[in-house]
């Protein structure tokens, strides 16, 4: 998550015309505390029951958590990019993510 924070301005256009939601099965108290301490500039969503993860195919019932999956959703609500798993330590993953976000926003 730190890489998202550190690249937020560039990748997510400082939140202009782009919304970043981090969905986790962690409880809201833990997420809120973690987000505040790490100064994350985006929104965390607590999905303790894994409902969102199930709908998007990211929930792993064996561990009762969501796999590290990243989706870019276009303005029309369709998924335009999916990285499963998202490899947050791979710099190329952010290059691909930036291109997917730009494309979803109507750029190249």
PDB file of N, CA and C in Angstrom:
ATOM      1  N   UNK A   1       0.815  -1.191   0.000  1.00  0.00           N
ATOM      2  CA  UNK A   1       0.000   0.000   0.000  1.00  0.00           C
ATOM      3  C   UNK A   1       0.865   1.265   0.000  1.00  0.00           C
ATOM      4  N   UNK A   2       2.066   1.144   0.536  1.00  0.00           N
ATOM      5  CA  UNK A   2       2.937   2.321   0.549  1.00  0.00           C
ATOM      6  C   UNK A   2       3.291   2.770  -0.867  1.00  0.00           C
ATOM      7  N   UNK A   3       3.455   1.812  -1.773  1.00  0.00           N
ATOM      8  CA  UNK A   3       3.771   2.180  -3.157  1.00  0.00           C
ATOM      9  C   UNK A   3       2.621   2.950  -3.789  1.00  0.00           C
ATOM     10  N   UNK A   4       1.383   2.548  -3.482  1.00  0.00           N
ATOM     11  CA  UNK A   4       0.224   3.314  -3.969  1.00  0.00           C
ATOM     12  C   UNK A   4       0.276   4.738  -3.411  1.00  0.00           C
ATOM     13  N   UNK A   5       0.542   4.849  -2.115  1.00  0.00           N
ATOM     14  CA  UNK A   5       0.606   6.168  -1.485  1.00  0.00           C
ATOM     15  C   UNK A   5       1.701   7.016  -2.124  1.00  0.00           C
ATOM     16  N   UNK A   6       2.859   6.407  -2.292  1.00  0.00           N
ATOM     17  CA  UNK A   6       4.010   7.154  -2.787  1.00  0.00           C
ATOM     18  C   UNK A   6       3.872   7.551  -4.258  1.00  0.00           C
ATOM     19  N   UNK A   7       3.047   6.829  -5.002  1.00  0.00           N
ATOM     20  CA  UNK A   7       2.856   7.138  -6.416  1.00  0.00           C
ATOM     21  C   UNK A   7       1.457   7.693  -6.710  1.00  0.00           C
ATOM     22  N   UNK A   8       0.715   7.991  -5.658  1.00  0.00           N
ATOM     23  CA  UNK A   8      -0.680   8.408  -5.798  1.00  0.00           C
ATOM     24  C   UNK A   8      -0.834   9.615  -6.719  1.00  0.00           C
ATOM     25  N   UNK A   9      -0.034  10.641  -6.510  1.00  0.00           N
ATOM     26  CA  UNK A   9      -0.157  11.870  -7.303  1.00  0.00           C
ATOM     27  C   UNK A   9      -0.001  11.582  -8.788  1.00  0.00           C
ATOM     28  N   UNK A  10       0.980  10.778  -9.124  1.00  0.00           N
ATOM     29  CA  UNK A  10       1.250  10.494 -10.538  1.00  0.00           C
ATOM     30  C   UNK A  10       0.246   9.497 -11.117  1.00  0.00           C
ATOM     31  N   UNK A  11       0.105   8.360 -10.481  1.00  0.00           N
ATOM     32  CA  UNK A  11      -0.748   7.297 -11.020  1.00  0.00           C
ATOM     33  C   UNK A  11      -2.228   7.641 -11.011  1.00  0.00           C
ATOM     34  N   UNK A  12      -2.667   8.236  -9.909  1.00  0.00           N
ATOM     35  CA  UNK A  12      -4.097   8.455  -9.715  1.00  0.00           C
ATOM     36  C   UNK A  12      -4.492   9.919  -9.856  1.00  0.00           C
ATOM     37  N   UNK A  13      -3.614  10.703 -10.497  1.00  0.00           N
ATOM     38  CA  UNK A  13      -3.929  12.096 -10.815  1.00  0.00           C
ATOM     39  C   UNK A  13      -4.413  12.857  -9.582  1.00  0.00           C
ATOM     40  N   UNK A  14      -3.780  12.560  -8.433  1.00  0.00           N
ATOM     41  CA  UNK A  14      -4.171  13.170  -7.153  1.00  0.00           C
ATOM     42  C   UNK A  14      -5.659  13.004  -6.862  1.00  0.00           C
ATOM     43  N   UNK A  15      -6.261  11.964  -7.410  1.00  0.00           N
ATOM     44  CA  UNK A  15      -7.675  11.698  -7.180  1.00  0.00           C
ATOM     45  C   UNK A  15      -8.620  12.445  -8.098  1.00  0.00           C
ATOM     46  N   UNK A  16      -8.085  13.248  -9.019  1.00  0.00           N
ATOM     47  CA  UNK A  16      -8.939  13.974  -9.962  1.00  0.00           C
ATOM     48  C   UNK A  16      -9.357  13.029 -11.082  1.00  0.00           C
ATOM     49  N   UNK A  17     -10.648  12.802 -11.213  1.00  0.00           N
ATOM     50  CA  UNK A  17     -11.218  11.905 -12.216  1.00  0.00           C
ATOM     51  C   UNK A  17     -10.811  10.450 -12.024  1.00  0.00           C
ATOM     52  N   UNK A  18     -10.200  10.133 -10.898  1.00  0.00           N
ATOM     53  CA  UNK A  18      -9.789   8.770 -10.592  1.00  0.00           C
ATOM     54  C   UNK A  18     -10.083   8.505  -9.125  1.00  0.00           C
ATOM     55  N   UNK A  19     -10.676   7.372  -8.818  1.00  0.00           N
ATOM     56  CA  UNK A  19     -10.951   7.003  -7.436  1.00  0.00           C
ATOM     57  C   UNK A  19     -10.244   5.702  -7.125  1.00  0.00           C
ATOM     58  N   UNK A  20      -9.482   5.706  -6.064  1.00  0.00           N
ATOM     59  CA  UNK A  20      -8.797   4.507  -5.612  1.00  0.00           C
ATOM     60  C   UNK A  20      -9.502   4.018  -4.357  1.00  0.00           C
ATOM     61  N   UNK A  21      -9.996   2.792  -4.404  1.00  0.00           N
ATOM     62  CA  UNK A  21     -10.612   2.148  -3.250  1.00  0.00           C
ATOM     63  C   UNK A  21      -9.803   0.905  -2.917  1.00  0.00           C
ATOM     64  N   UNK A  22      -9.379   0.804  -1.689  1.00  0.00           N
ATOM     65  CA  UNK A  22      -8.673  -0.386  -1.225  1.00  0.00           C
ATOM     66  C   UNK A  22      -9.664  -1.197  -0.397  1.00  0.00           C
ATOM     67  N   UNK A  23     -10.055  -2.356  -0.896  1.00  0.00           N
ATOM     68  CA  UNK A  23     -11.046  -3.190  -0.233  1.00  0.00           C
ATOM     69  C   UNK A  23     -10.326  -4.323   0.484  1.00  0.00           C
ATOM     70  N   UNK A  24     -10.679  -4.519   1.747  1.00  0.00           N
ATOM     71  CA  UNK A  24     -10.027  -5.535   2.557  1.00  0.00           C
ATOM     72  C   UNK A  24     -11.045  -6.215   3.463  1.00  0.00           C
ATOM     73  N   UNK A  25     -10.744  -7.431   3.853  1.00  0.00           N
ATOM     74  CA  UNK A  25     -11.600  -8.131   4.808  1.00  0.00           C
ATOM     75  C   UNK A  25     -11.265  -7.745   6.247  1.00  0.00           C
ATOM     76  N   UNK A  26     -10.293  -6.867   6.445  1.00  0.00           N
ATOM     77  CA  UNK A  26      -9.973  -6.372   7.791  1.00  0.00           C
ATOM     78  C   UNK A  26     -11.121  -5.524   8.316  1.00  0.00           C
ATOM     79  N   UNK A  27     -11.254  -5.471   9.639  1.00  0.00           N
ATOM     80  CA  UNK A  27     -12.334  -4.664  10.210  1.00  0.00           C
ATOM     81  C   UNK A  27     -12.023  -3.176  10.082  1.00  0.00           C
ATOM     82  N   UNK A  28     -13.073  -2.381  10.131  1.00  0.00           N
ATOM     83  CA  UNK A  28     -12.968  -0.935   9.879  1.00  0.00           C
ATOM     84  C   UNK A  28     -12.027  -0.234  10.857  1.00  0.00           C
ATOM     85  N   UNK A  29     -12.016  -0.663  12.106  1.00  0.00           N
ATOM     86  CA  UNK A  29     -11.126  -0.040  13.091  1.00  0.00           C
ATOM     87  C   UNK A  29      -9.667  -0.227  12.743  1.00  0.00           C
ATOM     88  N   UNK A  30      -9.307  -1.446  12.364  1.00  0.00           N
ATOM     89  CA  UNK A  30      -7.918  -1.732  11.990  1.00  0.00           C
ATOM     90  C   UNK A  30      -7.531  -0.970  10.732  1.00  0.00           C
ATOM     91  N   UNK A  31      -8.428  -0.951   9.743  1.00  0.00           N
ATOM     92  CA  UNK A  31      -8.137  -0.230   8.502  1.00  0.00           C
ATOM     93  C   UNK A  31      -7.980   1.265   8.751  1.00  0.00           C
ATOM     94  N   UNK A  32      -8.888   1.835   9.522  1.00  0.00           N
ATOM     95  CA  UNK A  32      -8.840   3.278   9.793  1.00  0.00           C
ATOM     96  C   UNK A  32      -7.552   3.653  10.512  1.00  0.00           C
ATOM     97  N   UNK A  33      -7.169   2.875  11.489  1.00  0.00           N
ATOM     98  CA  UNK A  33      -5.942   3.150  12.238  1.00  0.00           C
ATOM     99  C   UNK A  33      -4.720   3.049  11.336  1.00  0.00           C
ATOM    100  N   UNK A  34      -4.665   1.990  10.549  1.00  0.00           N
ATOM    101  CA  UNK A  34      -3.538   1.771   9.639  1.00  0.00           C
ATOM    102  C   UNK A  34      -3.454   2.885   8.607  1.00  0.00           C
ATOM    103  N   UNK A  35      -4.587   3.257   8.015  1.00  0.00           N
ATOM    104  CA  UNK A  35      -4.613   4.299   6.988  1.00  0.00           C
ATOM    105  C   UNK A  35      -4.169   5.641   7.552  1.00  0.00           C
ATOM    106  N   UNK A  36      -4.621   5.932   8.759  1.00  0.00           N
ATOM    107  CA  UNK A  36      -4.248   7.203   9.395  1.00  0.00           C
ATOM    108  C   UNK A  36      -2.754   7.224   9.716  1.00  0.00           C
ATOM    109  N   UNK A  37      -2.253   6.164  10.320  1.00  0.00           N
ATOM    110  CA  UNK A  37      -0.834   6.103  10.695  1.00  0.00           C
ATOM    111  C   UNK A  37       0.083   6.203   9.484  1.00  0.00           C
ATOM    112  N   UNK A  38      -0.308   5.589   8.375  1.00  0.00           N
ATOM    113  CA  UNK A  38       0.531   5.583   7.171  1.00  0.00           C
ATOM    114  C   UNK A  38       0.249   6.762   6.247  1.00  0.00           C
ATOM    115  N   UNK A  39      -0.745   7.576   6.615  1.00  0.00           N
ATOM    116  CA  UNK A  39      -1.100   8.766   5.836  1.00  0.00           C
ATOM    117  C   UNK A  39      -1.461   8.425   4.384  1.00  0.00           C
ATOM    118  N   UNK A  40      -2.338   7.435   4.235  1.00  0.00           N
ATOM    119  CA  UNK A  40      -2.798   7.067   2.903  1.00  0.00           C
ATOM    120  C   UNK A  40      -3.831   8.080   2.422  1.00  0.00           C
ATOM    121  N   UNK A  41      -3.692   8.603   1.196  1.00  0.00           N
ATOM    122  CA  UNK A  41      -4.598   9.632   0.688  1.00  0.00           C
ATOM    123  C   UNK A  41      -5.814   9.077  -0.048  1.00  0.00           C
ATOM    124  N   UNK A  42      -6.116   7.811   0.140  1.00  0.00           N
ATOM    125  CA  UNK A  42      -7.230   7.198  -0.565  1.00  0.00           C
ATOM    126  C   UNK A  42      -8.129   6.476   0.426  1.00  0.00           C
ATOM    127  N   UNK A  43      -9.222   5.962  -0.068  1.00  0.00           N
ATOM    128  CA  UNK A  43     -10.264   5.390   0.766  1.00  0.00           C
ATOM    129  C   UNK A  43     -10.098   3.884   0.934  1.00  0.00           C
ATOM    130  N   UNK A  44     -10.250   3.446   2.167  1.00  0.00           N
ATOM    131  CA  UNK A  44     -10.270   2.020   2.470  1.00  0.00           C
ATOM    132  C   UNK A  44     -11.707   1.600   2.732  1.00  0.00           C
ATOM    133  N   UNK A  45     -12.052   0.418   2.266  1.00  0.00           N
ATOM    134  CA  UNK A  45     -13.389  -0.131   2.451  1.00  0.00           C
ATOM    135  C   UNK A  45     -13.246  -1.457   3.197  1.00  0.00           C
ATOM    136  N   UNK A  46     -13.957  -1.579   4.310  1.00  0.00           N
ATOM    137  CA  UNK A  46     -13.952  -2.818   5.070  1.00  0.00           C
ATOM    138  C   UNK A  46     -15.067  -3.726   4.570  1.00  0.00           C
ATOM    139  N   UNK A  47     -14.676  -4.915   4.174  1.00  0.00           N
ATOM    140  CA  UNK A  47     -15.615  -5.913   3.648  1.00  0.00           C
ATOM    141  C   UNK A  47     -15.379  -7.219   4.406  1.00  0.00           C
ATOM    142  N   UNK A  48     -15.675  -7.184   5.710  1.00  0.00           N
ATOM    143  CA  UNK A  48     -15.348  -8.313   6.573  1.00  0.00           C
ATOM    144  C   UNK A  48     -15.991  -9.621   6.136  1.00  0.00           C
ATOM    145  N   UNK A  49     -17.118  -9.555   5.472  1.00  0.00           N
ATOM    146  CA  UNK A  49     -17.778 -10.771   4.997  1.00  0.00           C
ATOM    147  C   UNK A  49     -17.289 -11.243   3.647  1.00  0.00           C
ATOM    148  N   UNK A  50     -16.440 -10.477   2.981  1.00  0.00           N
ATOM    149  CA  UNK A  50     -15.910 -10.853   1.681  1.00  0.00           C
ATOM    150  C   UNK A  50     -16.913 -10.750   0.544  1.00  0.00           C
ATOM    151  N   UNK A  51     -17.968  -9.970   0.734  1.00  0.00           N
ATOM    152  CA  UNK A  51     -19.015  -9.855  -0.291  1.00  0.00           C
ATOM    153  C   UNK A  51     -18.497  -9.241  -1.592  1.00  0.00           C
ATOM    154  N   UNK A  52     -17.741  -8.159  -1.481  1.00  0.00           N
ATOM    155  CA  UNK A  52     -17.195  -7.505  -2.676  1.00  0.00           C
ATOM    156  C   UNK A  52     -16.196  -8.434  -3.363  1.00  0.00           C
ATOM    157  N   UNK A  53     -15.329  -9.030  -2.577  1.00  0.00           N
ATOM    158  CA  UNK A  53     -14.348  -9.955  -3.133  1.00  0.00           C
ATOM    159  C   UNK A  53     -14.983 -11.117  -3.876  1.00  0.00           C
ATOM    160  N   UNK A  54     -16.076 -11.625  -3.347  1.00  0.00           N
ATOM    161  CA  UNK A  54     -16.778 -12.721  -4.025  1.00  0.00           C
ATOM    162  C   UNK A  54     -17.351 -12.256  -5.367  1.00  0.00           C
ATOM    163  N   UNK A  55     -17.931 -11.066  -5.377  1.00  0.00           N
ATOM    164  CA  UNK A  55     -18.536 -10.556  -6.613  1.00  0.00           C
ATOM    165  C   UNK A  55     -17.505 -10.359  -7.716  1.00  0.00           C
ATOM    166  N   UNK A  56     -16.279 -10.022  -7.329  1.00  0.00           N
ATOM    167  CA  UNK A  56     -15.243  -9.750  -8.323  1.00  0.00           C
ATOM    168  C   UNK A  56     -14.237 -10.900  -8.464  1.00  0.00           C
ATOM    169  N   UNK A  57     -14.499 -12.011  -7.821  1.00  0.00           N
ATOM    170  CA  UNK A  57     -13.627 -13.169  -7.958  1.00  0.00           C
ATOM    171  C   UNK A  57     -12.304 -13.050  -7.245  1.00  0.00           C
ATOM    172  N   UNK A  58     -12.225 -12.214  -6.227  1.00  0.00           N
ATOM    173  CA  UNK A  58     -10.968 -12.019  -5.512  1.00  0.00           C
ATOM    174  C   UNK A  58     -10.956 -12.705  -4.143  1.00  0.00           C
ATOM    175  N   UNK A  59     -12.101 -13.140  -3.661  1.00  0.00           N
ATOM    176  CA  UNK A  59     -12.186 -13.717  -2.315  1.00  0.00           C
ATOM    177  C   UNK A  59     -11.658 -15.149  -2.303  1.00  0.00           C
ATOM    178  N   UNK A  60     -10.821 -15.449  -1.319  1.00  0.00           N
ATOM    179  CA  UNK A  60     -10.287 -16.789  -1.138  1.00  0.00           C
ATOM    180  C   UNK A  60     -10.941 -17.388   0.106  1.00  0.00           C
ATOM    181  N   UNK A  61     -11.924 -18.279  -0.082  1.00  0.00           N
ATOM    182  CA  UNK A  61     -12.662 -18.815   1.067  1.00  0.00           C
ATOM    183  C   UNK A  61     -11.800 -19.640   2.021  1.00  0.00           C
ATOM    184  N   UNK A  62     -10.727 -20.236   1.533  1.00  0.00           N
ATOM    185  CA  UNK A  62      -9.867 -21.041   2.396  1.00  0.00           C
ATOM    186  C   UNK A  62      -9.222 -20.194   3.485  1.00  0.00           C
ATOM    187  N   UNK A  63      -8.912 -18.937   3.155  1.00  0.00           N
ATOM    188  CA  UNK A  63      -8.249 -18.044   4.110  1.00  0.00           C
ATOM    189  C   UNK A  63      -9.159 -16.917   4.600  1.00  0.00           C
ATOM    190  N   UNK A  64     -10.347 -16.836   4.027  1.00  0.00           N
ATOM    191  CA  UNK A  64     -11.328 -15.800   4.359  1.00  0.00           C
ATOM    192  C   UNK A  64     -10.745 -14.402   4.191  1.00  0.00           C
ATOM    193  N   UNK A  65     -10.089 -14.206   3.053  1.00  0.00           N
ATOM    194  CA  UNK A  65      -9.548 -12.895   2.708  1.00  0.00           C
ATOM    195  C   UNK A  65      -9.548 -12.741   1.199  1.00  0.00           C
ATOM    196  N   UNK A  66      -9.337 -11.515   0.776  1.00  0.00           N
ATOM    197  CA  UNK A  66      -9.267 -11.229  -0.657  1.00  0.00           C
ATOM    198  C   UNK A  66      -7.835 -11.408  -1.141  1.00  0.00           C
ATOM    199  N   UNK A  67      -7.710 -12.004  -2.323  1.00  0.00           N
ATOM    200  CA  UNK A  67      -6.406 -12.078  -2.974  1.00  0.00           C
ATOM    201  C   UNK A  67      -6.024 -10.672  -3.431  1.00  0.00           C
ATOM    202  N   UNK A  68      -4.740 -10.448  -3.621  1.00  0.00           N
ATOM    203  CA  UNK A  68      -4.268  -9.142  -4.064  1.00  0.00           C
ATOM    204  C   UNK A  68      -4.592  -8.978  -5.542  1.00  0.00           C
ATOM    205  N   UNK A  69      -5.758  -8.424  -5.798  1.00  0.00           N
ATOM    206  CA  UNK A  69      -6.228  -8.236  -7.160  1.00  0.00           C
ATOM    207  C   UNK A  69      -6.491  -6.756  -7.373  1.00  0.00           C
ATOM    208  N   UNK A  70      -6.119  -6.265  -8.537  1.00  0.00           N
ATOM    209  CA  UNK A  70      -6.305  -4.856  -8.846  1.00  0.00           C
ATOM    210  C   UNK A  70      -7.186  -4.738 -10.079  1.00  0.00           C
ATOM    211  N   UNK A  71      -8.177  -3.875 -10.003  1.00  0.00           N
ATOM    212  CA  UNK A  71      -9.069  -3.622 -11.131  1.00  0.00           C
ATOM    213  C   UNK A  71      -9.035  -2.141 -11.462  1.00  0.00           C
ATOM    214  N   UNK A  72      -9.045  -1.833 -12.741  1.00  0.00           N
ATOM    215  CA  UNK A  72      -9.270  -0.468 -13.203  1.00  0.00           C
ATOM    216  C   UNK A  72     -10.645  -0.502 -13.863  1.00  0.00           C
ATOM    217  N   UNK A  73     -11.532   0.330 -13.353  1.00  0.00           N
ATOM    218  CA  UNK A  73     -12.899   0.381 -13.853  1.00  0.00           C
ATOM    219  C   UNK A  73     -13.077   1.685 -14.612  1.00  0.00           C
ATOM    220  N   UNK A  74     -13.559   1.581 -15.829  1.00  0.00           N
ATOM    221  CA  UNK A  74     -13.764   2.757 -16.663  1.00  0.00           C
ATOM    222  C   UNK A  74     -14.970   3.565 -16.234  1.00  0.00           C
ATOM    223  N   UNK A  75     -15.124   4.766 -16.785  1.00  0.00           N
ATOM    224  CA  UNK A  75     -16.245   5.645 -16.424  1.00  0.00           C
ATOM    225  C   UNK A  75     -17.619   5.013 -16.651  1.00  0.00           C
ATOM    226  N   UNK A  76     -17.688   4.042 -17.567  1.00  0.00           N
ATOM    227  CA  UNK A  76     -18.973   3.387 -17.831  1.00  0.00           C
ATOM    228  C   UNK A  76     -19.240   2.221 -16.885  1.00  0.00           C
ATOM    229  N   UNK A  77     -18.311   1.967 -15.945  1.00  0.00           N
ATOM    230  CA  UNK A  77     -18.499   0.910 -14.960  1.00  0.00           C
ATOM    231  C   UNK A  77     -17.938  -0.444 -15.355  1.00  0.00           C
ATOM    232  N   UNK A  78     -17.337  -0.539 -16.525  1.00  0.00           N
ATOM    233  CA  UNK A  78     -16.775  -1.823 -16.939  1.00  0.00           C
ATOM    234  C   UNK A  78     -15.313  -1.933 -16.508  1.00  0.00           C
ATOM    235  N   UNK A  79     -14.911  -3.159 -16.206  1.00  0.00           N
ATOM    236  CA  UNK A  79     -13.519  -3.409 -15.841  1.00  0.00           C
ATOM    237  C   UNK A  79     -12.684  -3.354 -17.121  1.00  0.00           C
ATOM    238  N   UNK A  80     -11.715  -2.446 -17.146  1.00  0.00           N
ATOM    239  CA  UNK A  80     -10.877  -2.283 -18.334  1.00  0.00           C
ATOM    240  C   UNK A  80      -9.482  -2.876 -18.151  1.00  0.00           C
ATOM    241  N   UNK A  81      -9.154  -3.231 -16.919  1.00  0.00           N
ATOM    242  CA  UNK A  81      -7.836  -3.815 -16.634  1.00  0.00           C
ATOM    243  C   UNK A  81      -7.949  -4.613 -15.348  1.00  0.00           C
ATOM    244  N   UNK A  82      -7.306  -5.770 -15.355  1.00  0.00           N
ATOM    245  CA  UNK A  82      -7.292  -6.614 -14.157  1.00  0.00           C
ATOM    246  C   UNK A  82      -5.888  -7.169 -13.988  1.00  0.00           C
ATOM    247  N   UNK A  83      -5.342  -7.050 -12.802  1.00  0.00           N
ATOM    248  CA  UNK A  83      -4.044  -7.629 -12.485  1.00  0.00           C
ATOM    249  C   UNK A  83      -4.254  -8.568 -11.300  1.00  0.00           C
ATOM    250  N   UNK A  84      -4.079  -9.851 -11.546  1.00  0.00           N
ATOM    251  CA  UNK A  84      -4.282 -10.830 -10.493  1.00  0.00           C
ATOM    252  C   UNK A  84      -3.171 -11.871 -10.530  1.00  0.00           C
ATOM    253  N   UNK A  85      -2.304 -11.882  -9.587  1.00  0.00           N
ATOM    254  CA  UNK A  85      -2.235 -10.914  -8.502  1.00  0.00           C
ATOM    255  C   UNK A  85      -1.536  -9.641  -8.966  1.00  0.00           C
ATOM    256  N   UNK A  86      -1.774  -8.562  -8.245  1.00  0.00           N
ATOM    257  CA  UNK A  86      -1.030  -7.344  -8.511  1.00  0.00           C
ATOM    258  C   UNK A  86       0.316  -7.480  -7.816  1.00  0.00           C
ATOM    259  N   UNK A  87       1.373  -7.303  -8.541  1.00  0.00           N
ATOM    260  CA  UNK A  87       2.734  -7.474  -7.999  1.00  0.00           C
ATOM    261  C   UNK A  87       3.288  -6.109  -7.588  1.00  0.00           C
ATOM    262  N   UNK A  88       2.952  -5.738  -6.361  1.00  0.00           N
ATOM    263  CA  UNK A  88       3.259  -4.392  -5.878  1.00  0.00           C
ATOM    264  C   UNK A  88       4.745  -4.087  -5.768  1.00  0.00           C
ATOM    265  N   UNK A  89       5.597  -5.086  -5.782  1.00  0.00           N
ATOM    266  CA  UNK A  89       7.040  -4.831  -5.708  1.00  0.00           C
ATOM    267  C   UNK A  89       7.693  -4.741  -7.088  1.00  0.00           C
ATOM    268  N   UNK A  90       6.941  -4.990  -8.126  1.00  0.00           N
ATOM    269  CA  UNK A  90       7.460  -4.952  -9.493  1.00  0.00           C
ATOM    270  C   UNK A  90       7.200  -3.580 -10.116  1.00  0.00           C
ATOM    271  N   UNK A  91       8.251  -2.802 -10.404  1.00  0.00           N
ATOM    272  CA  UNK A  91       8.042  -1.476 -10.993  1.00  0.00           C
ATOM    273  C   UNK A  91       7.228  -1.509 -12.286  1.00  0.00           C
ATOM    274  N   UNK A  92       7.350  -2.577 -13.059  1.00  0.00           N
ATOM    275  CA  UNK A  92       6.604  -2.687 -14.321  1.00  0.00           C
ATOM    276  C   UNK A  92       5.094  -2.740 -14.060  1.00  0.00           C
ATOM    277  N   UNK A  93       4.707  -3.271 -12.914  1.00  0.00           N
ATOM    278  CA  UNK A  93       3.285  -3.330 -12.575  1.00  0.00           C
ATOM    279  C   UNK A  93       2.695  -1.925 -12.508  1.00  0.00           C
ATOM    280  N   UNK A  94       3.476  -0.955 -12.038  1.00  0.00           N
ATOM    281  CA  UNK A  94       2.990   0.427 -11.943  1.00  0.00           C
ATOM    282  C   UNK A  94       2.982   1.108 -13.310  1.00  0.00           C
ATOM    283  N   UNK A  95       3.903   0.715 -14.179  1.00  0.00           N
ATOM    284  CA  UNK A  95       3.879   1.225 -15.552  1.00  0.00           C
ATOM    285  C   UNK A  95       2.599   0.757 -16.241  1.00  0.00           C
ATOM    286  N   UNK A  96       2.300  -0.519 -16.098  1.00  0.00           N
ATOM    287  CA  UNK A  96       1.076  -1.078 -16.681  1.00  0.00           C
ATOM    288  C   UNK A  96      -0.167  -0.443 -16.067  1.00  0.00           C
ATOM    289  N   UNK A  97      -0.160  -0.253 -14.761  1.00  0.00           N
ATOM    290  CA  UNK A  97      -1.294   0.364 -14.080  1.00  0.00           C
ATOM    291  C   UNK A  97      -1.503   1.793 -14.565  1.00  0.00           C
ATOM    292  N   UNK A  98      -0.436   2.551 -14.678  1.00  0.00           N
ATOM    293  CA  UNK A  98      -0.541   3.926 -15.159  1.00  0.00           C
ATOM    294  C   UNK A  98      -1.125   3.988 -16.562  1.00  0.00           C
ATOM    295  N   UNK A  99      -0.687   3.074 -17.425  1.00  0.00           N
ATOM    296  CA  UNK A  99      -1.218   3.030 -18.796  1.00  0.00           C
ATOM    297  C   UNK A  99      -2.699   2.666 -18.802  1.00  0.00           C
ATOM    298  N   UNK A 100      -3.096   1.733 -17.943  1.00  0.00           N
ATOM    299  CA  UNK A 100      -4.507   1.322 -17.868  1.00  0.00           C
ATOM    300  C   UNK A 100      -5.383   2.458 -17.359  1.00  0.00           C
ATOM    301  N   UNK A 101      -4.910   3.189 -16.374  1.00  0.00           N
ATOM    302  CA  UNK A 101      -5.665   4.322 -15.837  1.00  0.00           C
ATOM    303  C   UNK A 101      -5.800   5.409 -16.900  1.00  0.00           C
ATOM    304  N   UNK A 102      -4.699   5.710 -17.585  1.00  0.00           N
ATOM    305  CA  UNK A 102      -4.743   6.728 -18.647  1.00  0.00           C
ATOM    306  C   UNK A 102      -5.724   6.318 -19.735  1.00  0.00           C
ATOM    307  N   UNK A 103      -5.712   5.073 -20.104  1.00  0.00           N
ATOM    308  CA  UNK A 103      -6.617   4.590 -21.146  1.00  0.00           C
ATOM    309  C   UNK A 103      -8.074   4.696 -20.678  1.00  0.00           C
ATOM    310  N   UNK A 104      -8.327   4.317 -19.442  1.00  0.00           N
ATOM    311  CA  UNK A 104      -9.693   4.391 -18.896  1.00  0.00           C
ATOM    312  C   UNK A 104     -10.185   5.832 -18.839  1.00  0.00           C
ATOM    313  N   UNK A 105      -9.279   6.775 -18.649  1.00  0.00           N
ATOM    314  CA  UNK A 105      -9.643   8.195 -18.591  1.00  0.00           C
ATOM    315  C   UNK A 105      -9.760   8.798 -19.982  1.00  0.00           C
ATOM    316  N   UNK A 106      -9.488   8.007 -21.036  1.00  0.00           N
ATOM    317  CA  UNK A 106      -9.616   8.524 -22.403  1.00  0.00           C
ATOM    318  C   UNK A 106      -8.306   8.950 -23.012  1.00  0.00           C
ATOM    319  N   UNK A 107      -7.195   8.715 -22.306  1.00  0.00           N
ATOM    320  CA  UNK A 107      -5.884   9.066 -22.836  1.00  0.00           C
ATOM    321  C   UNK A 107      -5.219   7.854 -23.451  1.00  0.00           C
ATOM    322  N   UNK A 108      -4.000   8.015 -23.808  1.00  0.00           N
ATOM    323  CA  UNK A 108      -3.249   6.889 -24.412  1.00  0.00           C
ATOM    324  C   UNK A 108      -2.197   6.418 -23.464  1.00  0.00           C
TER     325      UNK A 108
END
